[in-house]
Amino acid sequence: MEKWQCTKCEYIYDPEEGDFENDIEPGTLFEDLPDEWVCPDCGARKNQFTPYEGNEVDEFHYEESDEEPEDENS
């Protein structure tokens, strides 16, 4: 499923997540969003979105490890 990015605030619409704030169910393609739908962050209209071309790794948030770092002097 293709993601779309707002050109005003860089919000990314992910169809797999939908838009809870605007009652958009997960699985809703960008093309199927209502014409009156707007960016939940800045209010931009659909015509101000472009296909997202970012790297999936950029979106991944690493969790901190519970392990202590190894001491380099050991």
Foldseek 3Di string as FASTA:
>chain_A
DWWKAAQPPRDIADLQPADVVVPGHRNQDLVNDDQCDADPPPRHGSVRIDTDDDDPVVVDDDDDDPDDDDDPVD
